[in-house]
PDB file of N, CA and C in Angstrom:
ATOM      1  N   MET A   1     -72.636  70.405  70.680  1.00  0.00           N
ATOM      2  CA  MET A   1     -72.877  71.529  69.805  1.00  0.00           C
ATOM      3  C   MET A   1     -74.174  71.270  69.041  1.00  0.00           C
ATOM      4  N   ARG A   2     -74.982  72.302  68.948  1.00  0.00           N
ATOM      5  CA  ARG A   2     -76.271  72.209  68.278  1.00  0.00           C
ATOM      6  C   ARG A   2     -76.196  72.949  66.943  1.00  0.00           C
ATOM      7  N   ILE A   3     -76.727  72.337  65.894  1.00  0.00           N
ATOM      8  CA  ILE A   3     -76.777  72.958  64.568  1.00  0.00           C
ATOM      9  C   ILE A   3     -78.246  73.074  64.168  1.00  0.00           C
ATOM     10  N   ASP A   4     -78.709  74.306  63.958  1.00  0.00           N
ATOM     11  CA  ASP A   4     -80.086  74.566  63.536  1.00  0.00           C
ATOM     12  C   ASP A   4     -80.063  75.119  62.121  1.00  0.00           C
ATOM     13  N   ILE A   5     -80.913  74.564  61.262  1.00  0.00           N
ATOM     14  CA  ILE A   5     -81.044  75.040  59.882  1.00  0.00           C
ATOM     15  C   ILE A   5     -82.492  75.477  59.714  1.00  0.00           C
ATOM     16  N   ILE A   6     -82.682  76.767  59.458  1.00  0.00           N
ATOM     17  CA  ILE A   6     -84.017  77.353  59.410  1.00  0.00           C
ATOM     18  C   ILE A   6     -84.257  77.911  58.017  1.00  0.00           C
ATOM     19  N   GLY A   7     -85.390  77.587  57.428  1.00  0.00           N
ATOM     20  CA  GLY A   7     -85.767  78.114  56.123  1.00  0.00           C
ATOM     21  C   GLY A   7     -86.904  79.101  56.266  1.00  0.00           C
ATOM     22  N   ARG A   8     -86.726  80.278  55.770  1.00  0.00           N
ATOM     23  CA  ARG A   8     -87.769  81.312  55.812  1.00  0.00           C
ATOM     24  C   ARG A   8     -88.202  81.598  54.375  1.00  0.00           C
ATOM     25  N   GLY A   9     -89.391  81.141  54.058  1.00  0.00           N
ATOM     26  CA  GLY A   9     -89.907  81.333  52.707  1.00  0.00           C
ATOM     27  C   GLY A   9     -89.525  80.223  51.752  1.00  0.00           C
ATOM     28  N   ILE A  10     -88.727  79.272  52.188  1.00  0.00           N
ATOM     29  CA  ILE A  10     -88.361  78.124  51.360  1.00  0.00           C
ATOM     30  C   ILE A  10     -88.436  76.864  52.224  1.00  0.00           C
ATOM     31  N   ASP A  11     -88.622  75.746  51.561  1.00  0.00           N
ATOM     32  CA  ASP A  11     -88.630  74.464  52.252  1.00  0.00           C
ATOM     33  C   ASP A  11     -87.216  73.918  52.309  1.00  0.00           C
ATOM     34  N   ILE A  12     -86.810  73.479  53.482  1.00  0.00           N
ATOM     35  CA  ILE A  12     -85.490  72.873  53.652  1.00  0.00           C
ATOM     36  C   ILE A  12     -85.644  71.369  53.460  1.00  0.00           C
ATOM     37  N   THR A  13     -85.106  70.868  52.365  1.00  0.00           N
ATOM     38  CA  THR A  13     -85.191  69.441  52.077  1.00  0.00           C
ATOM     39  C   THR A  13     -84.122  68.693  52.866  1.00  0.00           C
ATOM     40  N   GLY A  14     -84.203  67.399  52.833  1.00  0.00           N
ATOM     41  CA  GLY A  14     -83.217  66.576  53.529  1.00  0.00           C
ATOM     42  C   GLY A  14     -81.814  66.748  52.981  1.00  0.00           C
ATOM     43  N   ALA A  15     -81.702  66.911  51.661  1.00  0.00           N
ATOM     44  CA  ALA A  15     -80.391  67.092  51.033  1.00  0.00           C
ATOM     45  C   ALA A  15     -79.766  68.423  51.453  1.00  0.00           C
ATOM     46  N   ILE A  16     -80.572  69.481  51.500  1.00  0.00           N
ATOM     47  CA  ILE A  16     -80.057  70.786  51.922  1.00  0.00           C
ATOM     48  C   ILE A  16     -79.650  70.730  53.386  1.00  0.00           C
ATOM     49  N   ARG A  17     -80.486  70.119  54.216  1.00  0.00           N
ATOM     50  CA  ARG A  17     -80.192  70.007  55.642  1.00  0.00           C
ATOM     51  C   ARG A  17     -78.900  69.215  55.877  1.00  0.00           C
ATOM     52  N   GLU A  18     -78.729  68.124  55.151  1.00  0.00           N
ATOM     53  CA  GLU A  18     -77.533  67.292  55.290  1.00  0.00           C
ATOM     54  C   GLU A  18     -76.280  68.049  54.838  1.00  0.00           C
ATOM     55  N   HIS A  19     -76.373  68.759  53.711  1.00  0.00           N
ATOM     56  CA  HIS A  19     -75.241  69.529  53.198  1.00  0.00           C
ATOM     57  C   HIS A  19     -74.841  70.634  54.181  1.00  0.00           C
ATOM     58  N   ALA A  20     -75.829  71.357  54.681  1.00  0.00           N
ATOM     59  CA  ALA A  20     -75.547  72.453  55.602  1.00  0.00           C
ATOM     60  C   ALA A  20     -74.974  71.941  56.921  1.00  0.00           C
ATOM     61  N   ALA A  21     -75.510  70.854  57.433  1.00  0.00           N
ATOM     62  CA  ALA A  21     -74.997  70.293  58.691  1.00  0.00           C
ATOM     63  C   ALA A  21     -73.568  69.785  58.529  1.00  0.00           C
ATOM     64  N   GLU A  22     -73.279  69.177  57.390  1.00  0.00           N
ATOM     65  CA  GLU A  22     -71.925  68.682  57.127  1.00  0.00           C
ATOM     66  C   GLU A  22     -70.924  69.831  57.071  1.00  0.00           C
ATOM     67  N   LYS A  23     -71.286  70.899  56.374  1.00  0.00           N
ATOM     68  CA  LYS A  23     -70.385  72.050  56.258  1.00  0.00           C
ATOM     69  C   LYS A  23     -70.231  72.769  57.597  1.00  0.00           C
ATOM     70  N   ALA A  24     -71.326  72.940  58.317  1.00  0.00           N
ATOM     71  CA  ALA A  24     -71.275  73.676  59.585  1.00  0.00           C
ATOM     72  C   ALA A  24     -70.530  72.901  60.666  1.00  0.00           C
ATOM     73  N   SER A  25     -70.573  71.590  60.614  1.00  0.00           N
ATOM     74  CA  SER A  25     -69.868  70.800  61.627  1.00  0.00           C
ATOM     75  C   SER A  25     -68.357  70.918  61.492  1.00  0.00           C
ATOM     76  N   LYS A  26     -67.870  71.339  60.335  1.00  0.00           N
ATOM     77  CA  LYS A  26     -66.434  71.506  60.132  1.00  0.00           C
ATOM     78  C   LYS A  26     -65.890  72.766  60.807  1.00  0.00           C
ATOM     79  N   LEU A  27     -66.763  73.639  61.299  1.00  0.00           N
ATOM     80  CA  LEU A  27     -66.310  74.867  61.947  1.00  0.00           C
ATOM     81  C   LEU A  27     -65.620  74.588  63.277  1.00  0.00           C
ATOM     82  N   THR A  28     -65.856  73.439  63.872  1.00  0.00           N
ATOM     83  CA  THR A  28     -65.201  73.116  65.137  1.00  0.00           C
ATOM     84  C   THR A  28     -63.711  72.851  64.946  1.00  0.00           C
ATOM     85  N   ARG A  29     -63.255  72.687  63.722  1.00  0.00           N
ATOM     86  CA  ARG A  29     -61.819  72.553  63.455  1.00  0.00           C
ATOM     87  C   ARG A  29     -61.069  73.835  63.794  1.00  0.00           C
ATOM     88  N   TYR A  30     -61.743  74.957  63.635  1.00  0.00           N
ATOM     89  CA  TYR A  30     -61.094  76.247  63.805  1.00  0.00           C
ATOM     90  C   TYR A  30     -61.171  76.771  65.232  1.00  0.00           C
ATOM     91  N   PHE A  31     -62.223  76.396  65.970  1.00  0.00           N
ATOM     92  CA  PHE A  31     -62.389  76.877  67.343  1.00  0.00           C
ATOM     93  C   PHE A  31     -63.242  75.865  68.094  1.00  0.00           C
ATOM     94  N   ASP A  32     -62.787  75.478  69.281  1.00  0.00           N
ATOM     95  CA  ASP A  32     -63.448  74.400  70.022  1.00  0.00           C
ATOM     96  C   ASP A  32     -64.637  74.851  70.862  1.00  0.00           C
ATOM     97  N   HIS A  33     -64.707  76.107  71.243  1.00  0.00           N
ATOM     98  CA  HIS A  33     -65.716  76.568  72.200  1.00  0.00           C
ATOM     99  C   HIS A  33     -66.978  77.101  71.508  1.00  0.00           C
ATOM    100  N   ILE A  34     -67.480  76.365  70.552  1.00  0.00           N
ATOM    101  CA  ILE A  34     -68.713  76.731  69.859  1.00  0.00           C
ATOM    102  C   ILE A  34     -69.870  76.032  70.554  1.00  0.00           C
ATOM    103  N   GLN A  35     -70.891  76.808  70.945  1.00  0.00           N
ATOM    104  CA  GLN A  35     -72.050  76.227  71.610  1.00  0.00           C
ATOM    105  C   GLN A  35     -73.156  75.861  70.628  1.00  0.00           C
ATOM    106  N   ALA A  36     -73.435  76.753  69.683  1.00  0.00           N
ATOM    107  CA  ALA A  36     -74.517  76.499  68.733  1.00  0.00           C
ATOM    108  C   ALA A  36     -74.222  77.206  67.415  1.00  0.00           C
ATOM    109  N   ILE A  37     -74.723  76.613  66.331  1.00  0.00           N
ATOM    110  CA  ILE A  37     -74.606  77.195  64.995  1.00  0.00           C
ATOM    111  C   ILE A  37     -76.017  77.254  64.403  1.00  0.00           C
ATOM    112  N   THR A  38     -76.395  78.416  63.895  1.00  0.00           N
ATOM    113  CA  THR A  38     -77.711  78.591  63.287  1.00  0.00           C
ATOM    114  C   THR A  38     -77.532  79.098  61.865  1.00  0.00           C
ATOM    115  N   LEU A  39     -78.158  78.434  60.912  1.00  0.00           N
ATOM    116  CA  LEU A  39     -78.162  78.852  59.514  1.00  0.00           C
ATOM    117  C   LEU A  39     -79.581  79.284  59.148  1.00  0.00           C
ATOM    118  N   ASN A  40     -79.757  80.552  58.785  1.00  0.00           N
ATOM    119  CA  ASN A  40     -81.044  81.068  58.336  1.00  0.00           C
ATOM    120  C   ASN A  40     -80.995  81.228  56.824  1.00  0.00           C
ATOM    121  N   CYS A  41     -81.823  80.483  56.112  1.00  0.00           N
ATOM    122  CA  CYS A  41     -81.857  80.515  54.645  1.00  0.00           C
ATOM    123  C   CYS A  41     -83.143  81.198  54.204  1.00  0.00           C
ATOM    124  N   THR A  42     -83.015  82.241  53.380  1.00  0.00           N
ATOM    125  CA  THR A  42     -84.176  82.951  52.867  1.00  0.00           C
ATOM    126  C   THR A  42     -84.039  83.147  51.370  1.00  0.00           C
ATOM    127  N   ARG A  43     -85.159  83.360  50.725  1.00  0.00           N
ATOM    128  CA  ARG A  43     -85.167  83.660  49.293  1.00  0.00           C
ATOM    129  C   ARG A  43     -85.289  85.167  49.134  1.00  0.00           C
ATOM    130  N   GLY A  44     -84.437  85.740  48.282  1.00  0.00           N
ATOM    131  CA  GLY A  44     -84.380  87.189  48.117  1.00  0.00           C
ATOM    132  C   GLY A  44     -85.641  87.786  47.534  1.00  0.00           C
ATOM    133  N   ASP A  45     -86.053  87.331  46.375  1.00  0.00           N
ATOM    134  CA  ASP A  45     -87.273  87.818  45.747  1.00  0.00           C
ATOM    135  C   ASP A  45     -87.950  86.655  45.042  1.00  0.00           C
ATOM    136  N   HIS A  46     -89.185  86.852  44.679  1.00  0.00           N
ATOM    137  CA  HIS A  46     -89.961  85.761  44.101  1.00  0.00           C
ATOM    138  C   HIS A  46     -90.092  85.870  42.585  1.00  0.00           C
ATOM    139  N   SER A  47     -89.082  86.422  41.945  1.00  0.00           N
ATOM    140  CA  SER A  47     -89.113  86.501  40.489  1.00  0.00           C
ATOM    141  C   SER A  47     -88.581  85.196  39.899  1.00  0.00           C
ATOM    142  N   ASP A  48     -88.444  85.155  38.589  1.00  0.00           N
ATOM    143  CA  ASP A  48     -87.957  83.938  37.941  1.00  0.00           C
ATOM    144  C   ASP A  48     -86.512  83.623  38.326  1.00  0.00           C
ATOM    145  N   HIS A  49     -85.703  84.668  38.507  1.00  0.00           N
ATOM    146  CA  HIS A  49     -84.287  84.483  38.830  1.00  0.00           C
ATOM    147  C   HIS A  49     -84.065  84.914  40.283  1.00  0.00           C
ATOM    148  N   ALA A  50     -84.444  84.055  41.210  1.00  0.00           N
ATOM    149  CA  ALA A  50     -84.377  84.397  42.631  1.00  0.00           C
ATOM    150  C   ALA A  50     -82.980  84.156  43.186  1.00  0.00           C
ATOM    151  N   SER A  51     -82.582  84.993  44.112  1.00  0.00           N
ATOM    152  CA  SER A  51     -81.317  84.797  44.803  1.00  0.00           C
ATOM    153  C   SER A  51     -81.614  84.338  46.232  1.00  0.00           C
ATOM    154  N   PHE A  52     -80.666  83.662  46.821  1.00  0.00           N
ATOM    155  CA  PHE A  52     -80.815  83.143  48.168  1.00  0.00           C
ATOM    156  C   PHE A  52     -79.883  83.888  49.112  1.00  0.00           C
ATOM    157  N   ASN A  53     -80.372  84.187  50.291  1.00  0.00           N
ATOM    158  CA  ASN A  53     -79.576  84.815  51.334  1.00  0.00           C
ATOM    159  C   ASN A  53     -79.407  83.799  52.459  1.00  0.00           C
ATOM    160  N   VAL A  54     -78.172  83.646  52.922  1.00  0.00           N
ATOM    161  CA  VAL A  54     -77.885  82.718  54.020  1.00  0.00           C
ATOM    162  C   VAL A  54     -77.166  83.492  55.109  1.00  0.00           C
ATOM    163  N   GLU A  55     -77.660  83.374  56.326  1.00  0.00           N
ATOM    164  CA  GLU A  55     -77.059  84.022  57.481  1.00  0.00           C
ATOM    165  C   GLU A  55     -76.570  82.946  58.441  1.00  0.00           C
ATOM    166  N   LEU A  56     -75.326  83.049  58.874  1.00  0.00           N
ATOM    167  CA  LEU A  56     -74.721  82.102  59.799  1.00  0.00           C
ATOM    168  C   LEU A  56     -74.485  82.808  61.123  1.00  0.00           C
ATOM    169  N   ILE A  57     -75.024  82.245  62.201  1.00  0.00           N
ATOM    170  CA  ILE A  57     -74.839  82.793  63.541  1.00  0.00           C
ATOM    171  C   ILE A  57     -74.103  81.741  64.360  1.00  0.00           C
ATOM    172  N   ILE A  58     -72.928  82.122  64.855  1.00  0.00           N
ATOM    173  CA  ILE A  58     -72.102  81.214  65.650  1.00  0.00           C
ATOM    174  C   ILE A  58     -72.116  81.712  67.086  1.00  0.00           C
ATOM    175  N   ASP A  59     -72.631  80.888  67.994  1.00  0.00           N
ATOM    176  CA  ASP A  59     -72.705  81.228  69.405  1.00  0.00           C
ATOM    177  C   ASP A  59     -71.473  80.668  70.100  1.00  0.00           C
ATOM    178  N   LEU A  60     -70.641  81.558  70.663  1.00  0.00           N
ATOM    179  CA  LEU A  60     -69.397  81.164  71.313  1.00  0.00           C
ATOM    180  C   LEU A  60     -69.504  81.340  72.824  1.00  0.00           C
ATOM    181  N   GLU A  61     -68.688  80.566  73.554  1.00  0.00           N
ATOM    182  CA  GLU A  61     -68.592  80.744  74.995  1.00  0.00           C
ATOM    183  C   GLU A  61     -67.808  82.010  75.280  1.00  0.00           C
ATOM    184  N   HIS A  62     -68.286  82.830  76.206  1.00  0.00           N
ATOM    185  CA  HIS A  62     -67.600  84.019  76.694  1.00  0.00           C
ATOM    186  C   HIS A  62     -67.293  85.031  75.596  1.00  0.00           C
ATOM    187  N   HIS A  63     -68.135  85.104  74.582  1.00  0.00           N
ATOM    188  CA  HIS A  63     -67.950  86.063  73.492  1.00  0.00           C
ATOM    189  C   HIS A  63     -69.296  86.322  72.844  1.00  0.00           C
ATOM    190  N   LYS A  64     -69.416  87.479  72.215  1.00  0.00           N
ATOM    191  CA  LYS A  64     -70.645  87.778  71.483  1.00  0.00           C
ATOM    192  C   LYS A  64     -70.772  86.854  70.272  1.00  0.00           C
ATOM    193  N   ASP A  65     -71.991  86.716  69.781  1.00  0.00           N
ATOM    194  CA  ASP A  65     -72.232  85.878  68.615  1.00  0.00           C
ATOM    195  C   ASP A  65     -71.541  86.463  67.381  1.00  0.00           C
ATOM    196  N   MET A  66     -71.020  85.568  66.539  1.00  0.00           N
ATOM    197  CA  MET A  66     -70.443  85.973  65.260  1.00  0.00           C
ATOM    198  C   MET A  66     -71.508  85.770  64.188  1.00  0.00           C
ATOM    199  N   VAL A  67     -71.670  86.758  63.325  1.00  0.00           N
ATOM    200  CA  VAL A  67     -72.702  86.708  62.290  1.00  0.00           C
ATOM    201  C   VAL A  67     -72.051  86.919  60.929  1.00  0.00           C
ATOM    202  N   CYS A  68     -72.373  86.040  59.974  1.00  0.00           N
ATOM    203  CA  CYS A  68     -71.869  86.134  58.603  1.00  0.00           C
ATOM    204  C   CYS A  68     -73.065  86.059  57.653  1.00  0.00           C
ATOM    205  N   ASN A  69     -72.957  86.721  56.518  1.00  0.00           N
ATOM    206  CA  ASN A  69     -74.001  86.699  55.499  1.00  0.00           C
ATOM    207  C   ASN A  69     -73.393  86.388  54.145  1.00  0.00           C
ATOM    208  N   ALA A  70     -74.168  85.696  53.316  1.00  0.00           N
ATOM    209  CA  ALA A  70     -73.758  85.418  51.938  1.00  0.00           C
ATOM    210  C   ALA A  70     -74.995  85.358  51.054  1.00  0.00           C
ATOM    211  N   GLN A  71     -74.810  85.723  49.797  1.00  0.00           N
ATOM    212  CA  GLN A  71     -75.882  85.665  48.816  1.00  0.00           C
ATOM    213  C   GLN A  71     -75.414  84.873  47.619  1.00  0.00           C
ATOM    214  N   GLY A  72     -76.355  84.259  46.932  1.00  0.00           N
ATOM    215  CA  GLY A  72     -76.012  83.531  45.725  1.00  0.00           C
ATOM    216  C   GLY A  72     -77.242  83.052  44.997  1.00  0.00           C
ATOM    217  N   ASP A  73     -77.044  82.698  43.722  1.00  0.00           N
ATOM    218  CA  ASP A  73     -78.148  82.178  42.925  1.00  0.00           C
ATOM    219  C   ASP A  73     -78.445  80.728  43.279  1.00  0.00           C
ATOM    220  N   ASP A  74     -77.446  80.022  43.782  1.00  0.00           N
ATOM    221  CA  ASP A  74     -77.593  78.627  44.179  1.00  0.00           C
ATOM    222  C   ASP A  74     -77.493  78.554  45.701  1.00  0.00           C
ATOM    223  N   LEU A  75     -78.428  77.868  46.336  1.00  0.00           N
ATOM    224  CA  LEU A  75     -78.452  77.791  47.796  1.00  0.00           C
ATOM    225  C   LEU A  75     -77.236  77.042  48.337  1.00  0.00           C
ATOM    226  N   TYR A  76     -76.816  76.004  47.637  1.00  0.00           N
ATOM    227  CA  TYR A  76     -75.657  75.227  48.085  1.00  0.00           C
ATOM    228  C   TYR A  76     -74.382  76.082  48.064  1.00  0.00           C
ATOM    229  N   LEU A  77     -74.210  76.882  47.021  1.00  0.00           N
ATOM    230  CA  LEU A  77     -73.033  77.751  46.939  1.00  0.00           C
ATOM    231  C   LEU A  77     -73.082  78.860  47.978  1.00  0.00           C
ATOM    232  N   ALA A  78     -74.277  79.361  48.287  1.00  0.00           N
ATOM    233  CA  ALA A  78     -74.405  80.386  49.317  1.00  0.00           C
ATOM    234  C   ALA A  78     -74.062  79.809  50.696  1.00  0.00           C
ATOM    235  N   ILE A  79     -74.463  78.564  50.957  1.00  0.00           N
ATOM    236  CA  ILE A  79     -74.111  77.907  52.216  1.00  0.00           C
ATOM    237  C   ILE A  79     -72.606  77.721  52.301  1.00  0.00           C
ATOM    238  N   ASP A  80     -71.985  77.283  51.203  1.00  0.00           N
ATOM    239  CA  ASP A  80     -70.531  77.113  51.191  1.00  0.00           C
ATOM    240  C   ASP A  80     -69.820  78.443  51.448  1.00  0.00           C
ATOM    241  N   GLY A  81     -70.319  79.507  50.853  1.00  0.00           N
ATOM    242  CA  GLY A  81     -69.696  80.822  51.021  1.00  0.00           C
ATOM    243  C   GLY A  81     -69.799  81.346  52.440  1.00  0.00           C
ATOM    244  N   VAL A  82     -70.948  81.179  53.064  1.00  0.00           N
ATOM    245  CA  VAL A  82     -71.115  81.690  54.419  1.00  0.00           C
ATOM    246  C   VAL A  82     -70.310  80.865  55.425  1.00  0.00           C
ATOM    247  N   VAL A  83     -70.170  79.573  55.188  1.00  0.00           N
ATOM    248  CA  VAL A  83     -69.351  78.749  56.075  1.00  0.00           C
ATOM    249  C   VAL A  83     -67.879  79.111  55.917  1.00  0.00           C
ATOM    250  N   GLN A  84     -67.459  79.436  54.702  1.00  0.00           N
ATOM    251  CA  GLN A  84     -66.088  79.871  54.481  1.00  0.00           C
ATOM    252  C   GLN A  84     -65.810  81.187  55.214  1.00  0.00           C
ATOM    253  N   LYS A  85     -66.753  82.119  55.175  1.00  0.00           N
ATOM    254  CA  LYS A  85     -66.592  83.374  55.904  1.00  0.00           C
ATOM    255  C   LYS A  85     -66.535  83.126  57.410  1.00  0.00           C
ATOM    256  N   GLY A  86     -67.387  82.227  57.890  1.00  0.00           N
ATOM    257  CA  GLY A  86     -67.390  81.906  59.310  1.00  0.00           C
ATOM    258  C   GLY A  86     -66.089  81.268  59.760  1.00  0.00           C
ATOM    259  N   SER A  87     -65.537  80.389  58.937  1.00  0.00           N
ATOM    260  CA  SER A  87     -64.269  79.752  59.298  1.00  0.00           C
ATOM    261  C   SER A  87     -63.138  80.776  59.341  1.00  0.00           C
ATOM    262  N   ARG A  88     -63.162  81.738  58.435  1.00  0.00           N
ATOM    263  CA  ARG A  88     -62.148  82.786  58.439  1.00  0.00           C
ATOM    264  C   ARG A  88     -62.276  83.664  59.688  1.00  0.00           C
ATOM    265  N   MET A  89     -63.505  83.991  60.075  1.00  0.00           N
ATOM    266  CA  MET A  89     -63.719  84.787  61.281  1.00  0.00           C
ATOM    267  C   MET A  89     -63.251  84.045  62.527  1.00  0.00           C
ATOM    268  N   LEU A  90     -63.540  82.751  62.610  1.00  0.00           N
ATOM    269  CA  LEU A  90     -63.119  81.962  63.763  1.00  0.00           C
ATOM    270  C   LEU A  90     -61.598  81.843  63.835  1.00  0.00           C
ATOM    271  N   ALA A  91     -60.949  81.651  62.691  1.00  0.00           N
ATOM    272  CA  ALA A  91     -59.491  81.545  62.667  1.00  0.00           C
ATOM    273  C   ALA A  91     -58.845  82.855  63.103  1.00  0.00           C
ATOM    274  N   GLU A  92     -59.397  83.982  62.645  1.00  0.00           N
ATOM    275  CA  GLU A  92     -58.860  85.279  63.046  1.00  0.00           C
ATOM    276  C   GLU A  92     -59.065  85.530  64.534  1.00  0.00           C
ATOM    277  N   TYR A  93     -60.207  85.119  65.058  1.00  0.00           N
ATOM    278  CA  TYR A  93     -60.482  85.289  66.485  1.00  0.00           C
ATOM    279  C   TYR A  93     -59.540  84.429  67.325  1.00  0.00           C
ATOM    280  N   LYS A  94     -59.279  83.217  66.885  1.00  0.00           N
ATOM    281  CA  LYS A  94     -58.368  82.334  67.607  1.00  0.00           C
ATOM    282  C   LYS A  94     -56.945  82.887  67.588  1.00  0.00           C
ATOM    283  N   ASP A  95     -56.512  83.429  66.450  1.00  0.00           N
ATOM    284  CA  ASP A  95     -55.186  84.045  66.367  1.00  0.00           C
ATOM    285  C   ASP A  95     -55.096  85.262  67.282  1.00  0.00           C
ATOM    286  N   LYS A  96     -56.182  86.018  67.366  1.00  0.00           N
ATOM    287  CA  LYS A  96     -56.223  87.179  68.240  1.00  0.00           C
ATOM    288  C   LYS A  96     -56.077  86.759  69.700  1.00  0.00           C
ATOM    289  N   LEU A  97     -56.739  85.680  70.083  1.00  0.00           N
ATOM    290  CA  LEU A  97     -56.624  85.184  71.457  1.00  0.00           C
ATOM    291  C   LEU A  97     -55.209  84.720  71.755  1.00  0.00           C
ATOM    292  N   LYS A  98     -54.559  84.085  70.796  1.00  0.00           N
ATOM    293  CA  LYS A  98     -53.192  83.604  71.008  1.00  0.00           C
ATOM    294  C   LYS A  98     -52.204  84.755  71.162  1.00  0.00           C
ATOM    295  N   THR A  99     -52.353  85.792  70.347  1.00  0.00           N
ATOM    296  CA  THR A  99     -51.403  86.895  70.401  1.00  0.00           C
ATOM    297  C   THR A  99     -51.634  87.788  71.618  1.00  0.00           C
ATOM    298  N   GLU A 100     -52.854  87.863  72.136  1.00  0.00           N
ATOM    299  CA  GLU A 100     -53.108  88.675  73.312  1.00  0.00           C
ATOM    300  C   GLU A 100     -52.471  88.075  74.562  1.00  0.00           C
ATOM    301  N   LYS A 101     -52.330  86.762  74.609  1.00  0.00           N
ATOM    302  CA  LYS A 101     -51.778  86.113  75.787  1.00  0.00           C
ATOM    303  C   LYS A 101     -50.265  86.244  75.874  1.00  0.00           C
ATOM    304  N   ARG A 102     -49.606  86.595  74.787  1.00  0.00           N
ATOM    305  CA  ARG A 102     -48.146  86.681  74.790  1.00  0.00           C
ATOM    306  C   ARG A 102     -47.668  87.954  75.392  1.00  0.00           C
TER     307      ARG A 102
END
């Protein structure tokens, strides 16, 4: 599984990269057939009180990509929020696959 962390308009430091990779690697607990995970981090506006937008793209085998978005004043909290949304989407998809087979 490949994890890509991309910063658009902001620099991705080692601490941010490590935090995002650690959180994103936990998504395999919910679904095993993940091929790649991409985190796109952008800054909303360039004022004094900037917000961060984080987009999570999960590439699955035999399924369309799952996309989640989160916003926040803190980049770390926005990453946590988008990973939480992604884990919920993966769990719901896995439950859907289980119930369709019955």
